[in-house]
Protein backbone atom coordinates (compact mmCIF):
# COMPACT_ATOMS: atom_id res chain seq x y z
CA MET A 1 -6.60 -6.82 14.96
CA VAL A 2 -3.11 -7.48 16.33
CA SER A 3 -2.28 -11.13 16.64
CA ASP A 4 -1.82 -12.58 20.10
CA PRO A 5 1.77 -11.97 21.21
CA GLN A 6 2.22 -15.65 22.00
CA VAL A 7 1.73 -16.72 18.39
CA VAL A 8 3.52 -13.90 16.55
CA SER A 9 7.00 -14.62 15.15
CA ASP A 10 9.98 -13.38 17.16
CA GLN A 11 11.94 -12.69 14.00
CA PRO A 12 12.89 -9.02 13.94
CA ASP A 13 11.09 -6.62 11.61
CA PRO A 14 12.88 -5.72 8.43
CA GLU A 15 13.89 -2.11 8.94
CA PRO A 16 12.24 0.56 6.81
CA ARG A 17 14.49 0.83 3.78
CA GLU A 18 15.31 3.55 1.31
CA GLU A 19 15.92 2.01 -2.07
CA CYS A 20 18.94 3.87 -3.45
CA GLY A 21 21.86 6.20 -3.12
CA VAL A 22 23.15 8.14 -6.13
CA PHE A 23 26.50 9.82 -6.66
CA GLY A 24 28.13 11.62 -9.56
CA VAL A 25 31.50 13.25 -10.29
CA TRP A 26 32.74 15.57 -13.05
CA ALA A 27 36.43 16.12 -12.38
CA PRO A 28 39.12 16.04 -15.09
CA GLY A 29 42.44 14.86 -13.69
CA GLU A 30 40.88 13.06 -10.71
CA GLU A 31 40.39 9.33 -10.11
CA VAL A 32 36.64 9.66 -10.45
CA ALA A 33 35.90 5.93 -10.04
CA LYS A 34 37.64 5.87 -6.66
CA LEU A 35 35.91 9.07 -5.57
CA THR A 36 32.59 7.50 -6.52
CA TYR A 37 33.48 4.27 -4.69
CA TYR A 38 34.00 6.20 -1.46
CA GLY A 39 30.90 8.30 -2.10
CA LEU A 40 28.83 5.13 -2.43
CA TYR A 41 30.52 3.74 0.68
CA ALA A 42 29.16 6.75 2.58
CA LEU A 43 25.72 6.10 1.09
CA GLN A 44 25.72 2.33 1.69
CA HIS A 45 22.96 2.65 4.31
CA ARG A 46 20.58 3.71 1.53
CA GLY A 47 20.86 0.42 -0.35
CA GLN A 48 22.66 -2.89 0.12
CA GLU A 49 21.31 -5.06 -2.72
CA ALA A 50 23.51 -3.91 -5.62
CA ALA A 51 26.14 -1.35 -6.54
CA GLY A 52 27.57 0.05 -9.75
CA ILE A 53 29.80 2.71 -11.26
CA SER A 54 30.02 4.04 -14.80
CA VAL A 55 32.92 6.11 -16.11
CA SER A 56 33.32 8.19 -19.27
CA ASP A 57 36.64 9.29 -20.74
CA GLY A 58 35.02 11.56 -23.32
CA SER A 59 34.76 8.94 -26.04
CA GLN A 60 33.13 5.93 -24.39
CA ILE A 61 31.24 4.92 -21.24
CA VAL A 62 32.19 1.81 -19.26
CA VAL A 63 29.84 0.37 -16.63
CA PHE A 64 30.63 -2.13 -13.88
CA LYS A 65 27.87 -3.29 -11.53
CA ASP A 66 26.81 -6.37 -9.57
CA LEU A 67 24.66 -7.57 -6.70
CA GLY A 68 26.14 -7.01 -3.26
CA LEU A 69 27.65 -4.29 -1.09
CA VAL A 70 29.94 -1.64 -2.54
CA SER A 71 32.96 -3.31 -0.93
CA GLN A 72 31.93 -6.69 -2.36
CA VAL A 73 31.36 -5.47 -5.90
CA PHE A 74 34.55 -3.42 -6.36
CA ASP A 75 38.21 -4.01 -5.71
CA GLU A 76 41.38 -2.08 -6.53
CA GLN A 77 41.85 -3.77 -9.90
CA ILE A 78 38.31 -3.01 -11.07
CA LEU A 79 38.47 0.60 -9.94
CA GLN A 80 41.85 1.05 -11.63
CA SER A 81 40.32 -0.11 -14.92
CA LEU A 82 37.57 2.54 -14.76
CA GLN A 83 39.40 5.54 -16.18
CA GLY A 84 37.79 8.82 -17.16
CA HIS A 85 36.65 12.23 -15.92
CA ILE A 86 32.89 11.61 -15.42
CA ALA A 87 31.45 8.98 -13.10
CA VAL A 88 27.93 7.94 -12.08
CA GLY A 89 27.46 5.69 -9.05
CA HIS A 90 24.53 3.86 -7.48
CA CYS A 91 23.77 1.60 -4.52
CA ARG A 92 20.37 -0.07 -4.59
CA TYR A 93 17.59 -1.24 -2.37
CA SER A 94 14.57 -2.08 -4.51
CA THR A 95 11.12 -0.57 -4.17
CA THR A 96 10.27 -1.19 -7.83
CA GLY A 97 11.55 -4.36 -9.47
CA ALA A 98 13.14 -7.54 -8.20
CA THR A 99 16.67 -7.98 -6.88
CA ILE A 100 18.30 -9.19 -10.08
CA TRP A 101 21.43 -8.13 -11.94
CA GLU A 102 19.35 -6.55 -14.70
CA ASN A 103 17.90 -4.09 -12.19
CA ALA A 104 21.29 -3.06 -10.82
CA GLN A 105 22.36 0.46 -11.77
CA PRO A 106 23.75 2.54 -13.43
CA ILE A 107 21.68 1.53 -16.44
CA PHE A 108 23.33 1.94 -19.84
CA ARG A 109 21.56 2.80 -23.07
CA THR A 110 22.77 3.77 -26.53
CA THR A 111 20.90 6.49 -28.40
CA ALA A 112 20.11 6.29 -32.13
CA THR A 113 23.05 8.61 -32.81
CA GLY A 114 25.44 6.18 -31.11
CA SER A 115 25.98 8.27 -28.00
CA GLY A 116 25.94 6.47 -24.66
CA LEU A 117 23.75 7.21 -21.64
CA SER A 118 24.50 6.05 -18.09
CA PHE A 119 21.62 6.50 -15.65
CA ALA A 120 21.04 6.21 -11.87
CA HIS A 121 17.81 6.84 -9.95
CA ASN A 122 16.82 7.23 -6.31
CA GLY A 123 13.11 7.36 -5.58
CA ASN A 124 9.90 5.76 -6.76
CA LEU A 125 7.43 6.81 -9.44
CA VAL A 126 3.67 6.47 -9.17
CA ASN A 127 2.96 6.59 -12.93
CA THR A 128 5.11 3.58 -13.82
CA ALA A 129 2.28 1.82 -15.66
CA GLU A 130 1.77 4.89 -17.84
CA LEU A 131 5.49 5.07 -18.64
CA ARG A 132 5.46 1.37 -19.52
CA GLU A 133 2.71 2.00 -22.08
CA ARG A 134 4.70 4.84 -23.58
CA THR A 135 7.75 2.57 -23.77
CA ILE A 136 5.77 -0.13 -25.57
CA GLU A 137 4.32 2.42 -28.00
CA ALA A 138 7.84 3.65 -28.75
CA GLY A 139 8.94 0.08 -29.52
CA LEU A 140 11.68 0.14 -26.88
CA LYS A 141 13.22 -3.07 -25.54
CA PRO A 142 14.44 -3.84 -22.02
CA HIS A 143 18.06 -2.82 -21.67
CA ALA A 144 19.53 -6.19 -20.70
CA GLY A 145 18.84 -9.83 -19.91
CA LEU A 146 16.46 -12.42 -21.29
CA THR A 147 13.41 -10.70 -19.86
CA GLY A 148 15.05 -7.37 -19.18
CA SER A 149 14.81 -5.17 -16.14
CA SER A 150 11.60 -4.51 -14.27
CA SER A 151 12.22 -1.10 -12.75
CA ASP A 152 10.78 2.34 -13.28
CA SER A 153 14.38 3.51 -13.64
CA ASP A 154 14.85 1.54 -16.86
CA LEU A 155 11.66 3.00 -18.29
CA ILE A 156 12.92 6.54 -17.65
CA CYS A 157 16.33 5.74 -19.13
CA GLY A 158 14.84 4.11 -22.22
CA LEU A 159 12.52 7.04 -22.95
CA LEU A 160 15.31 9.53 -22.33
CA ALA A 161 17.69 7.74 -24.70
CA ALA A 162 15.00 7.44 -27.38
CA ASN A 163 14.08 11.13 -27.23
CA ALA A 164 17.74 12.18 -27.21
CA ALA A 165 18.19 10.88 -30.76
CA ASP A 166 16.47 13.95 -32.17
CA LYS A 167 17.22 16.70 -29.69
CA GLY A 168 20.13 15.65 -27.44
CA ILE A 169 20.16 14.49 -23.82
CA GLU A 170 19.57 17.84 -22.16
CA ALA A 171 16.60 18.87 -24.30
CA ALA A 172 15.15 15.35 -24.07
CA ALA A 173 15.40 15.51 -20.27
CA MET A 174 13.64 18.88 -20.16
CA GLU A 175 10.80 17.33 -22.14
CA LEU A 176 10.61 14.03 -20.22
CA LEU A 177 11.11 15.12 -16.61
CA PRO A 178 7.84 17.09 -16.29
CA THR A 179 5.92 13.91 -17.21
CA LEU A 180 7.40 11.86 -14.34
CA LYS A 181 5.16 11.63 -11.28
CA GLY A 182 6.49 10.62 -7.90
CA ALA A 183 9.84 10.92 -6.18
CA PHE A 184 13.07 10.96 -8.16
CA CYS A 185 16.65 12.06 -7.73
CA LEU A 186 18.52 11.35 -10.96
CA VAL A 187 22.21 11.35 -11.81
CA PHE A 188 23.07 10.53 -15.42
CA ALA A 189 25.74 11.21 -18.01
CA ASP A 190 26.70 10.97 -21.65
CA GLU A 191 30.31 10.95 -22.82
CA ASN A 192 30.90 14.63 -22.01
CA THR A 193 28.29 15.89 -19.55
CA LEU A 194 27.12 15.01 -16.05
CA TYR A 195 23.46 15.69 -15.25
CA ALA A 196 21.45 15.77 -12.01
CA ALA A 197 17.71 16.31 -11.51
CA ARG A 198 15.30 16.30 -8.58
CA ASP A 199 11.53 15.94 -8.63
CA PRO A 200 9.44 19.10 -8.14
CA HIS A 201 8.54 18.02 -4.59
CA GLY A 202 12.13 17.32 -3.50
CA VAL A 203 10.89 14.25 -1.63
CA HIS A 204 14.39 12.87 -1.08
CA PRO A 205 17.65 14.81 -0.74
CA LEU A 206 20.17 15.55 -3.49
CA VAL A 207 23.08 17.93 -2.99
CA LEU A 208 25.78 19.64 -5.04
CA GLY A 209 29.40 19.89 -3.95
CA ARG A 210 32.62 21.45 -5.24
CA LEU A 211 36.01 19.83 -5.64
CA GLU A 212 39.17 21.78 -6.37
CA ARG A 213 39.03 20.51 -9.96
CA GLY A 214 35.42 19.55 -10.40
CA TRP A 215 31.91 18.96 -9.10
CA VAL A 216 30.10 16.27 -7.11
CA VAL A 217 26.41 15.40 -6.68
CA SER A 218 25.30 13.10 -3.89
CA SER A 219 22.16 11.80 -2.19
CA GLU A 220 23.46 13.15 1.11
CA THR A 221 26.02 15.66 2.34
CA ALA A 222 27.87 12.75 4.00
CA GLY A 223 28.84 11.65 0.47
CA LEU A 224 30.45 15.04 -0.14
CA ASP A 225 32.33 14.95 3.15
CA ILE A 226 34.01 11.61 2.50
CA VAL A 227 35.58 12.80 -0.79
CA GLY A 228 36.54 16.23 0.54
CA ALA A 229 33.99 18.16 -1.51
CA SER A 230 32.62 21.40 -0.07
CA PHE A 231 28.84 21.72 0.12
CA VAL A 232 27.50 24.27 -2.36
CA ARG A 233 23.72 23.85 -2.17
CA GLU A 234 20.88 21.41 -2.62
CA VAL A 235 19.73 20.54 -6.10
CA GLU A 236 16.46 22.44 -6.11
CA PRO A 237 13.10 20.69 -6.54
CA GLY A 238 12.22 20.81 -10.25
CA GLU A 239 15.80 21.61 -11.30
CA LEU A 240 18.04 20.01 -13.93
CA ILE A 241 21.77 20.64 -13.60
CA ALA A 242 24.29 20.01 -16.39
CA ILE A 243 28.06 20.06 -15.84
CA ASP A 244 30.62 19.96 -18.66
CA ALA A 245 33.77 21.70 -19.85
CA ALA A 246 31.81 24.96 -20.20
CA GLY A 247 30.88 24.88 -16.50
CA LEU A 248 27.65 24.35 -14.59
CA ARG A 249 24.25 25.42 -15.91
CA SER A 250 20.82 25.11 -14.36
CA SER A 251 17.38 24.75 -15.93
CA ARG A 252 13.96 24.64 -14.33
CA PHE A 253 11.64 21.93 -15.70
CA ALA A 254 8.85 22.39 -13.12
CA ASN A 255 7.81 24.83 -10.43
CA PRO A 256 8.97 23.71 -6.98
CA ASP A 257 6.42 22.42 -4.46
CA PRO A 258 8.62 21.07 -1.62
CA LYS A 259 7.36 17.99 0.23
CA GLY A 260 10.50 16.56 1.81
CA CYS A 261 10.26 13.09 3.35
CA VAL A 262 10.05 13.53 7.13
CA PHE A 263 11.25 9.94 7.60
CA GLU A 264 14.66 10.99 6.30
CA TYR A 265 15.04 12.85 9.61
CA VAL A 266 13.69 9.94 11.65
CA TYR A 267 15.70 7.05 10.24
CA LEU A 268 16.79 7.03 6.60
CA ALA A 269 19.57 9.62 6.39
CA ARG A 270 22.90 9.31 8.14
CA PRO A 271 23.07 11.33 11.38
CA ASP A 272 26.02 13.34 10.00
CA THR A 273 23.96 14.53 7.02
CA THR A 274 22.29 17.93 6.67
CA ILE A 275 18.88 18.25 4.97
CA ALA A 276 17.31 21.61 4.12
CA GLY A 277 19.85 23.31 6.38
CA ARG A 278 18.99 21.17 9.41
CA GLY A 279 21.43 18.62 10.81
CA VAL A 280 19.90 15.16 11.08
CA HIS A 281 21.64 14.33 14.39
CA ALA A 282 20.47 17.58 15.97
CA THR A 283 16.94 16.87 14.75
CA ARG A 284 16.93 13.40 16.29
CA VAL A 285 18.22 14.69 19.62
CA GLU A 286 15.50 17.34 19.61
CA ILE A 287 12.91 14.67 18.82
CA GLY A 288 14.07 12.87 21.95
CA ARG A 289 13.74 16.01 24.08
CA ARG A 290 10.22 16.62 22.83
CA LEU A 291 9.37 12.95 23.33
CA ALA A 292 10.45 13.24 26.99
CA SER A 293 8.16 16.24 27.42
CA GLU A 294 5.20 14.60 25.68
CA GLN A 295 5.64 11.08 27.08
CA PRO A 296 7.26 11.28 30.57
CA VAL A 297 7.75 8.29 32.84
CA GLU A 298 9.52 7.55 36.13
CA ALA A 299 12.54 5.35 35.43
CA ASP A 300 16.15 4.67 36.34
CA LEU A 301 17.84 4.52 32.92
CA VAL A 302 17.27 5.73 29.35
CA MET A 303 18.77 3.40 26.76
CA PRO A 304 18.59 3.33 22.95
CA VAL A 305 17.94 0.53 20.52
CA PRO A 306 21.23 0.97 18.64
CA GLU A 307 22.07 2.61 16.43
CA SER A 308 18.98 4.34 15.07
CA GLY A 309 17.52 5.10 18.49
CA THR A 310 20.70 6.58 19.98
CA PRO A 311 20.33 10.33 19.24
CA ALA A 312 16.69 10.37 20.36
CA ALA A 313 17.62 8.48 23.55
CA ILE A 314 20.28 11.10 24.28
CA GLY A 315 17.63 13.79 23.82
CA TYR A 316 15.15 11.92 26.00
CA ALA A 317 17.74 11.68 28.79
CA GLN A 318 18.51 15.39 28.48
CA GLY A 319 14.82 16.31 28.51
CA SER A 320 13.84 14.02 31.37
CA GLY A 321 16.89 14.19 33.61
CA ILE A 322 17.02 10.38 33.72
CA PRO A 323 20.57 9.01 33.26
CA TYR A 324 21.52 7.74 29.82
CA GLY A 325 23.22 4.38 29.44
CA THR A 326 24.05 1.61 27.00
CA GLY A 327 22.03 -1.52 27.71
CA LEU A 328 22.31 -3.29 24.37
CA VAL A 329 25.31 -4.26 22.27
CA LYS A 330 24.78 -4.45 18.51
CA ASN A 331 26.48 -6.90 16.18
CA ALA A 332 27.33 -4.63 13.26
CA TYR A 333 27.82 -7.53 10.84
CA VAL A 334 24.37 -9.09 10.99
CA GLY A 335 22.63 -8.53 7.69
CA ARG A 336 25.96 -8.26 5.88
CA THR A 337 26.33 -11.99 5.17
CA PHE A 338 24.95 -14.30 2.52
CA ILE A 339 24.95 -17.27 4.92
CA GLN A 340 21.43 -17.90 6.17
CA PRO A 341 21.05 -18.77 9.87
CA SER A 342 19.89 -22.23 10.89
CA GLN A 343 16.35 -22.66 12.15
CA THR A 344 17.59 -22.82 15.73
CA ILE A 345 19.49 -19.55 15.37
CA ARG A 346 16.67 -17.93 13.40
CA GLN A 347 14.23 -18.64 16.23
CA LEU A 348 16.38 -16.50 18.49
CA GLY A 349 15.28 -13.59 16.31
CA ILE A 350 16.57 -10.24 17.51
CA ARG A 351 19.40 -11.90 19.48
CA LEU A 352 21.27 -12.15 16.18
CA LYS A 353 21.53 -8.36 16.20
CA LEU A 354 21.36 -7.27 19.84
CA ASN A 355 22.57 -8.65 23.14
CA PRO A 356 21.76 -7.20 26.59
CA LEU A 357 24.30 -5.94 29.13
CA ARG A 358 22.82 -7.71 32.13
CA ASP A 359 24.82 -5.84 34.76
CA VAL A 360 23.46 -2.55 33.43
CA ILE A 361 19.85 -3.75 33.05
CA ARG A 362 19.30 -5.89 36.14
CA GLY A 363 16.99 -4.30 38.71
CA LYS A 364 16.35 -1.17 36.62
CA ARG A 365 13.24 0.57 35.35
CA LEU A 366 14.15 1.19 31.71
CA VAL A 367 13.10 3.70 29.10
CA VAL A 368 13.90 2.08 25.74
CA VAL A 369 13.99 4.52 22.80
CA ASP A 370 13.61 3.35 19.20
CA ASP A 371 13.06 5.21 15.94
CA SER A 372 9.82 3.50 14.84
CA ILE A 373 7.56 0.47 15.21
CA VAL A 374 6.56 -1.30 12.00
CA ARG A 375 5.19 -4.80 12.65
CA GLY A 376 6.13 -4.83 16.32
CA ASN A 377 8.09 -8.08 16.22
CA THR A 378 11.40 -6.41 17.08
CA GLN A 379 10.02 -4.55 20.09
CA ARG A 380 8.13 -7.64 21.31
CA ALA A 381 11.29 -9.75 21.29
CA LEU A 382 13.33 -6.91 22.74
CA VAL A 383 11.01 -6.37 25.70
CA ARG A 384 11.07 -10.10 26.44
CA MET A 385 14.88 -10.14 26.24
CA LEU A 386 15.21 -7.19 28.64
CA ARG A 387 12.88 -8.80 31.17
CA GLU A 388 14.89 -12.02 30.99
CA ALA A 389 18.02 -9.91 31.66
CA GLY A 390 16.45 -8.66 34.93
CA ALA A 391 14.70 -5.38 34.02
CA LEU A 392 12.02 -4.44 36.55
CA GLU A 393 10.01 -2.35 34.09
CA VAL A 394 10.31 -1.66 30.35
CA HIS A 395 8.85 1.58 29.03
CA VAL A 396 9.08 1.91 25.25
CA ARG A 397 9.31 5.37 23.66
CA ILE A 398 9.21 5.86 19.90
CA ALA A 399 10.83 8.80 18.09
CA SER A 400 8.15 8.98 15.39
CA PRO A 401 4.34 8.76 15.29
CA PRO A 402 2.65 5.41 14.59
CA VAL A 403 3.35 4.19 11.05
CA ARG A 404 -0.15 3.53 9.68
CA TRP A 405 0.24 3.94 5.91
CA PRO A 406 2.57 2.50 3.25
CA CYS A 407 4.98 4.73 1.34
CA PHE A 408 4.78 4.97 -2.45
CA TYR A 409 7.64 7.45 -2.85
CA GLY A 410 10.69 5.35 -2.09
CA ILE A 411 10.57 3.67 1.33
CA ASP A 412 9.95 -0.07 1.49
CA PHE A 413 7.56 -0.45 4.43
CA ALA A 414 5.44 -3.45 5.30
CA SER A 415 1.94 -3.71 3.84
CA ARG A 416 -0.73 -1.72 5.62
CA ALA A 417 -2.30 -4.97 6.79
CA GLU A 418 1.00 -5.88 8.51
CA LEU A 419 1.56 -2.52 10.22
CA VAL A 420 0.92 -3.04 13.92
CA ALA A 421 -0.52 0.47 14.35
CA ASN A 422 -3.16 -0.08 11.67
CA GLY A 423 -6.58 -0.14 13.36
CA VAL A 424 -5.19 -0.74 16.88
CA ASP A 425 -5.16 1.77 19.73
CA LEU A 426 -2.08 2.63 21.78
CA ASP A 427 -2.88 0.22 24.60
CA GLY A 428 -3.43 -2.58 22.10
CA ILE A 429 0.06 -2.03 20.68
CA ARG A 430 1.51 -1.83 24.21
CA ARG A 431 -0.05 -5.15 25.15
CA SER A 432 1.09 -6.69 21.87
CA ILE A 433 4.74 -5.87 22.51
CA GLY A 434 4.52 -6.58 26.25
CA ALA A 435 5.76 -3.18 27.49
CA ASP A 436 4.78 -1.56 30.80
CA SER A 437 4.05 1.63 28.91
CA LEU A 438 4.33 2.89 25.34
CA GLY A 439 4.57 6.45 24.01
CA TYR A 440 5.09 7.96 20.57
CA ILE A 441 6.09 11.51 19.72
CA SER A 442 3.25 13.47 18.16
CA LEU A 443 3.35 14.42 14.49
CA ASP A 444 3.43 18.10 15.48
CA GLY A 445 6.36 17.41 17.80
CA LEU A 446 8.25 15.57 15.08
CA VAL A 447 7.65 18.32 12.54
CA ALA A 448 8.72 21.00 15.04
CA ALA A 449 12.01 19.14 15.63
CA THR A 450 12.85 19.31 11.92
CA GLU A 451 12.49 23.11 11.96
CA GLN A 452 10.69 22.79 8.61
CA PRO A 453 7.16 24.04 7.96
CA LYS A 454 4.69 21.18 7.91
CA SER A 455 3.56 22.36 4.47
CA ARG A 456 7.04 21.53 3.09
CA LEU A 457 7.10 17.95 4.41
CA CYS A 458 5.62 14.63 3.32
CA THR A 459 4.09 12.87 6.34
CA ALA A 460 2.03 10.31 4.40
CA CYS A 461 3.27 7.23 6.31
CA PHE A 462 1.98 8.80 9.53
CA SER A 463 -1.01 10.81 8.31
CA GLY A 464 -2.18 9.03 5.15
CA GLU A 465 -2.11 12.39 3.34
CA TYR A 466 -0.25 11.72 0.08
CA PRO A 467 1.04 14.97 -1.48
CA ILE A 468 1.61 13.44 -4.92
CA PRO A 469 -1.62 11.96 -6.30
CA LEU A 470 -1.64 8.17 -6.61
CA PRO A 471 -3.15 6.35 -9.61
CA GLU A 472 -6.83 5.61 -9.19
CA ASP A 473 -6.52 2.23 -10.93
CA ALA A 474 -4.20 0.75 -8.27
CA LEU A 475 -1.41 0.32 -10.84
CA ILE A 476 1.32 0.69 -8.30
CA GLY A 477 3.57 -1.52 -6.22
CA LYS A 478 7.06 -3.00 -5.97
CA HIS A 479 6.51 -5.84 -8.48
CA LEU A 480 4.14 -4.03 -10.83
CA LEU A 481 6.27 -4.48 -13.95
CA GLU A 482 6.86 -8.19 -13.33
CA SER A 483 3.11 -8.69 -12.96
CA LEU A 484 2.35 -6.78 -16.16
CA GLY A 485 5.07 -8.45 -18.23
CA SER A 486 8.14 -7.02 -19.94
CA THR A 487 8.01 -3.97 -22.18
CA ASP A 488 8.59 -5.99 -25.35
CA GLY A 489 5.59 -8.21 -24.68
CA ALA A 490 7.70 -11.29 -23.91
CA ALA A 491 6.33 -13.53 -21.21
CA VAL A 492 7.79 -13.21 -17.76
CA SER A 493 6.98 -14.99 -14.53
CA PRO A 494 4.25 -12.78 -13.10
CA VAL A 495 4.39 -11.84 -9.45
CA PRO A 496 0.91 -11.71 -7.90
CA VAL A 497 0.12 -8.17 -6.85
CA SER A 498 -2.99 -7.26 -4.92
CA PRO A 499 -4.40 -3.74 -5.30
CA ALA A 500 -1.71 -1.13 -4.69
CA GLY A 501 0.69 -4.01 -4.08
CA TYR A 502 -0.12 -3.74 -0.40
CA GLY A 503 -3.05 -6.03 0.35
CA ALA A 504 -6.58 -6.12 -0.97
CA GLU A 505 -8.01 -4.35 2.07
CA ASP A 506 -5.62 -1.40 1.79
CA ALA A 507 -7.37 1.90 1.33
CA VAL A 508 -5.38 4.95 0.35
CA ARG A 509 -6.32 8.48 1.28
CA ARG A 510 -5.92 10.51 -1.87
CA PRO A 511 -5.27 14.24 -1.77
C-alpha cells in the first residue's frame, strides 16, 4: 500500500546511485596523477563519497585517498607529489560497506614477495559471504584501520595479493576472476603493469583508450574525452587486459554473456558517453519520442526535471509536437555541501534543489518528464510546487518503466518495501503523487531505444528477472560484512540486516 500523500515526507528521494567510477593510466613521460584527477572529475557523477589515486614509478606505489569529492580530496601540491608512469583512480559511492576512510579506494596490499598491489573496483558482487569465508580460511587481515574495511573490493584485493605470492599478479587474477559472481569492473596495478578486467556479463561499462604515449582505461568514454585519449574499444566481458613496457595483451578468463545494465542508459551514465556503440544522449532523446507515442496527452508545454529528464523531455516534445520549455531552475550545488539544512529548510524538501519559473508555468497544462520514480516523494513535492506556481494541469511522464525490484549489481536503490511502484497500480501511484495523469515508457520501448537486443541487457530493477543468480541464503546487502564481523574475527559494531538487506518481506525472482 502507498501511504496517504498527506502524511508522506516531502523530502526528495535520494537519486538512484552508481557506487563507483574507475580510471587507470599507463603513460611513461606523462603526468599520470593529473590525468587521473581529470578522468575522475569526468566520472564524479558515479560516486561522491570518496576519491583516491595511486601512482607507481616502477619501484614503489604511493596512494592518496580521502572522503569527499575529487576536487576536495586533491590539490595541486598533492598531485605534484604523485610521480610515476602508472596510475589507478577511483571515486566511490557505496553499495557494499559503510562510508568510512577504510573503504575508500584504491586499496593497497603488499604481496608475500614484497610487491605492491593497488586496486579499484566498480560494481557489486553477490557471493561476498563466500569470499569472506575464503579470506578467513586464508588467514588474511583487513587492509587498514582498527576493524578494517567492510567492502567486497577489499576481499577481492586481499585474495588477489595472497595468490600472487606464488604465481604473480596476472596468473593470480586469471585464477581468481572466474570465481567472482556479480558485477565488476576492475582497474589495478603493481609497480610495472596496469590491469583492467570486466565481469563476464559486462553489467557496467569499461572502455580502453589510447594516448600518444600510453593507454587509458575508464568507466565511461567521457573519461577518455577529458584527457584527450582516443576511444579504442570496450573492455570485453570476461576479459583481462595487462599493459606494460612490452605493450598490451589480452586474456579471456570467462566466456562472455553480455547483460548490460539498462539503467546506465536511463540515468547513471553521462549523456556524452557511448555504451555498446550507442550514444547515451541519443538513447534518452529516443526514449522521449517513444514515450510521447506510448503516453500522449493534450498539453501546452513539455518541461524536464533537470538535468536527468532533459534529453527525454526534448524527445517527448519532438514526438508530440508540444513546445519544449524550461520550467524549473536547478541549484547545481545542493548535495555538494557538508552543512546540513535546518529543520525549517529541510521541510521545504525539493525546493532546495529546484525552483519554478512562475511566468513560464502559470496558466499552462504541463507535461513534466523525469527519468524514474523511486519512492515518489520528489514527484509528489514537485507536482505540489508546480500547482502553487499556477499550473492548470500537471501530467507526469517517466522515461523508464516502474522500478519494482532492488538492484544487487551496483545501483543503490531503495528497499523493495519503499518502492512506490511495488504492489500499487498506475492510478494508485498517480493519486499518490497528485498528478492529473501519469505514464511510463514500456520496457519494450526502453529496450528498443537502446538499440541493444533485450537478451544482452539486464532489466532486473524493472522486471525482477536477475541474470546473475543470487545466493539462496539471503547473504547479500550493503552492510553484509559489518553484520557478519570483520575477516579477522575481531568484533565490530554489527549493522542489522534483514533478509537480502532489503526488508523481510522482499521476495526475489531467481533465474
